[in-house]
Amino acid sequence: MPQLTQMELNTIKELVATEDVNSKKLQLYAQNCRDSQLQSILSQEAQKSANNARNLIGFLKS
């Protein structure tokens, strides 16, 4: 893997933090939602954000 610049590293860290926050917010919204269809969509999107964060972290480790 090519070396990342400090700016690239900082950007990836910000993206990880953003995806993590989005995942937590979406999960909270899903837990408080009364509409089952919307709850399902919110849960799926929360999982996607969590996966995105994990993928970005994996990119940093490789």
N, C-alpha and C. Protein backbone atom coordinates (compact mmCIF):
# COMPACT_ATOMS: atom_id res chain seq x y z
N MET A 1 0.85 -1.18 0.00
CA MET A 1 0.00 0.00 0.00
C MET A 1 0.89 1.24 0.00
N PRO A 2 0.56 2.22 -0.83
CA PRO A 2 1.34 3.44 -0.84
C PRO A 2 1.16 4.22 0.47
N GLN A 3 2.17 4.98 0.81
CA GLN A 3 2.10 5.79 2.02
C GLN A 3 1.05 6.88 1.85
N LEU A 4 0.26 7.10 2.89
CA LEU A 4 -0.74 8.16 2.87
C LEU A 4 -0.13 9.45 3.40
N THR A 5 -0.56 10.55 2.84
CA THR A 5 -0.13 11.83 3.39
C THR A 5 -0.89 12.07 4.68
N GLN A 6 -0.43 12.99 5.48
CA GLN A 6 -1.11 13.32 6.72
C GLN A 6 -2.53 13.82 6.43
N MET A 7 -2.67 14.57 5.37
CA MET A 7 -4.00 15.09 5.01
C MET A 7 -4.96 13.94 4.65
N GLU A 8 -4.47 12.96 3.89
CA GLU A 8 -5.29 11.81 3.53
C GLU A 8 -5.66 11.00 4.77
N LEU A 9 -4.71 10.81 5.65
CA LEU A 9 -4.96 10.08 6.89
C LEU A 9 -6.01 10.78 7.74
N ASN A 10 -5.88 12.10 7.86
CA ASN A 10 -6.85 12.88 8.63
C ASN A 10 -8.24 12.81 8.02
N THR A 11 -8.31 12.83 6.70
CA THR A 11 -9.60 12.74 6.01
C THR A 11 -10.26 11.40 6.27
N ILE A 12 -9.49 10.33 6.19
CA ILE A 12 -10.04 9.00 6.44
C ILE A 12 -10.52 8.90 7.89
N LYS A 13 -9.77 9.45 8.83
CA LYS A 13 -10.17 9.43 10.23
C LYS A 13 -11.48 10.19 10.43
N GLU A 14 -11.62 11.32 9.75
CA GLU A 14 -12.86 12.09 9.83
C GLU A 14 -14.03 11.30 9.25
N LEU A 15 -13.79 10.61 8.15
CA LEU A 15 -14.84 9.79 7.53
C LEU A 15 -15.27 8.65 8.45
N VAL A 16 -14.31 8.04 9.13
CA VAL A 16 -14.63 6.96 10.07
C VAL A 16 -15.50 7.52 11.19
N ALA A 17 -15.10 8.66 11.74
CA ALA A 17 -15.87 9.27 12.83
C ALA A 17 -17.28 9.64 12.38
N THR A 18 -17.40 10.17 11.18
CA THR A 18 -18.71 10.55 10.65
C THR A 18 -19.60 9.32 10.46
N GLU A 19 -19.05 8.27 9.88
CA GLU A 19 -19.83 7.04 9.68
C GLU A 19 -20.25 6.44 11.02
N ASP A 20 -19.37 6.50 12.00
CA ASP A 20 -19.69 5.97 13.33
C ASP A 20 -20.84 6.75 13.96
N VAL A 21 -20.77 8.06 13.89
CA VAL A 21 -21.84 8.90 14.45
C VAL A 21 -23.15 8.65 13.70
N ASN A 22 -23.08 8.59 12.38
CA ASN A 22 -24.29 8.32 11.58
C ASN A 22 -24.91 6.99 11.97
N SER A 23 -24.10 5.98 12.14
CA SER A 23 -24.60 4.66 12.52
C SER A 23 -25.33 4.72 13.86
N LYS A 24 -24.73 5.37 14.82
CA LYS A 24 -25.34 5.47 16.15
C LYS A 24 -26.64 6.27 16.12
N LYS A 25 -26.66 7.35 15.37
CA LYS A 25 -27.88 8.16 15.26
C LYS A 25 -29.00 7.36 14.59
N LEU A 26 -28.67 6.71 13.49
CA LEU A 26 -29.68 5.94 12.77
C LEU A 26 -30.23 4.81 13.63
N GLN A 27 -29.37 4.16 14.40
CA GLN A 27 -29.82 3.09 15.28
C GLN A 27 -30.75 3.64 16.35
N LEU A 28 -30.40 4.79 16.89
CA LEU A 28 -31.26 5.43 17.90
C LEU A 28 -32.62 5.80 17.30
N TYR A 29 -32.60 6.36 16.09
CA TYR A 29 -33.85 6.69 15.42
C TYR A 29 -34.69 5.44 15.20
N ALA A 30 -34.05 4.36 14.78
CA ALA A 30 -34.77 3.10 14.55
C ALA A 30 -35.40 2.58 15.84
N GLN A 31 -34.68 2.68 16.93
CA GLN A 31 -35.19 2.19 18.21
C GLN A 31 -36.41 2.99 18.68
N ASN A 32 -36.47 4.25 18.29
CA ASN A 32 -37.55 5.11 18.73
C ASN A 32 -38.66 5.28 17.70
N CYS A 33 -38.57 4.57 16.60
CA CYS A 33 -39.53 4.68 15.52
C CYS A 33 -40.70 3.71 15.74
N ARG A 34 -41.88 4.19 15.46
CA ARG A 34 -43.08 3.35 15.62
C ARG A 34 -43.49 2.65 14.33
N ASP A 35 -43.07 3.19 13.22
CA ASP A 35 -43.41 2.61 11.92
C ASP A 35 -42.42 1.48 11.62
N SER A 36 -42.92 0.27 11.46
CA SER A 36 -42.03 -0.88 11.29
C SER A 36 -41.22 -0.82 10.00
N GLN A 37 -41.81 -0.31 8.93
CA GLN A 37 -41.06 -0.20 7.67
C GLN A 37 -39.92 0.81 7.80
N LEU A 38 -40.23 1.94 8.37
CA LEU A 38 -39.20 2.97 8.57
C LEU A 38 -38.14 2.47 9.54
N GLN A 39 -38.56 1.77 10.56
CA GLN A 39 -37.61 1.20 11.53
C GLN A 39 -36.64 0.25 10.83
N SER A 40 -37.15 -0.56 9.95
CA SER A 40 -36.31 -1.49 9.20
C SER A 40 -35.32 -0.75 8.31
N ILE A 41 -35.78 0.26 7.62
CA ILE A 41 -34.90 1.05 6.74
C ILE A 41 -33.81 1.73 7.56
N LEU A 42 -34.18 2.32 8.68
CA LEU A 42 -33.20 3.00 9.53
C LEU A 42 -32.17 2.02 10.07
N SER A 43 -32.61 0.84 10.46
CA SER A 43 -31.67 -0.18 10.95
C SER A 43 -30.71 -0.63 9.87
N GLN A 44 -31.23 -0.80 8.65
CA GLN A 44 -30.37 -1.19 7.53
C GLN A 44 -29.33 -0.12 7.23
N GLU A 45 -29.76 1.12 7.25
CA GLU A 45 -28.83 2.23 6.98
C GLU A 45 -27.80 2.37 8.10
N ALA A 46 -28.22 2.10 9.33
CA ALA A 46 -27.27 2.13 10.45
C ALA A 46 -26.20 1.07 10.25
N GLN A 47 -26.62 -0.11 9.80
CA GLN A 47 -25.67 -1.19 9.55
C GLN A 47 -24.71 -0.84 8.41
N LYS A 48 -25.24 -0.20 7.38
CA LYS A 48 -24.38 0.22 6.26
C LYS A 48 -23.32 1.21 6.73
N SER A 49 -23.72 2.15 7.56
CA SER A 49 -22.76 3.14 8.08
C SER A 49 -21.71 2.46 8.94
N ALA A 50 -22.12 1.51 9.77
CA ALA A 50 -21.17 0.77 10.61
C ALA A 50 -20.19 -0.01 9.73
N ASN A 51 -20.70 -0.62 8.67
CA ASN A 51 -19.84 -1.36 7.74
C ASN A 51 -18.86 -0.42 7.03
N ASN A 52 -19.33 0.75 6.64
CA ASN A 52 -18.45 1.73 6.00
C ASN A 52 -17.31 2.11 6.94
N ALA A 53 -17.62 2.34 8.20
CA ALA A 53 -16.59 2.70 9.18
C ALA A 53 -15.57 1.57 9.31
N ARG A 54 -16.06 0.33 9.40
CA ARG A 54 -15.14 -0.82 9.51
C ARG A 54 -14.27 -0.96 8.26
N ASN A 55 -14.86 -0.74 7.09
CA ASN A 55 -14.08 -0.83 5.85
C ASN A 55 -12.99 0.23 5.79
N LEU A 56 -13.30 1.42 6.23
CA LEU A 56 -12.31 2.49 6.25
C LEU A 56 -11.19 2.17 7.23
N ILE A 57 -11.55 1.65 8.38
CA ILE A 57 -10.53 1.26 9.36
C ILE A 57 -9.66 0.15 8.78
N GLY A 58 -10.27 -0.80 8.10
CA GLY A 58 -9.52 -1.87 7.46
C GLY A 58 -8.56 -1.34 6.42
N PHE A 59 -8.95 -0.31 5.71
CA PHE A 59 -8.08 0.31 4.73
C PHE A 59 -6.85 0.89 5.41
N LEU A 60 -7.03 1.45 6.58
CA LEU A 60 -5.89 2.03 7.32
C LEU A 60 -4.94 0.96 7.83
N LYS A 61 -5.46 -0.22 8.11
CA LYS A 61 -4.64 -1.29 8.66
C LYS A 61 -3.86 -2.04 7.58
N SER A 62 -4.30 -1.93 6.33
CA SER A 62 -3.62 -2.70 5.27
C SER A 62 -2.43 -1.96 4.71
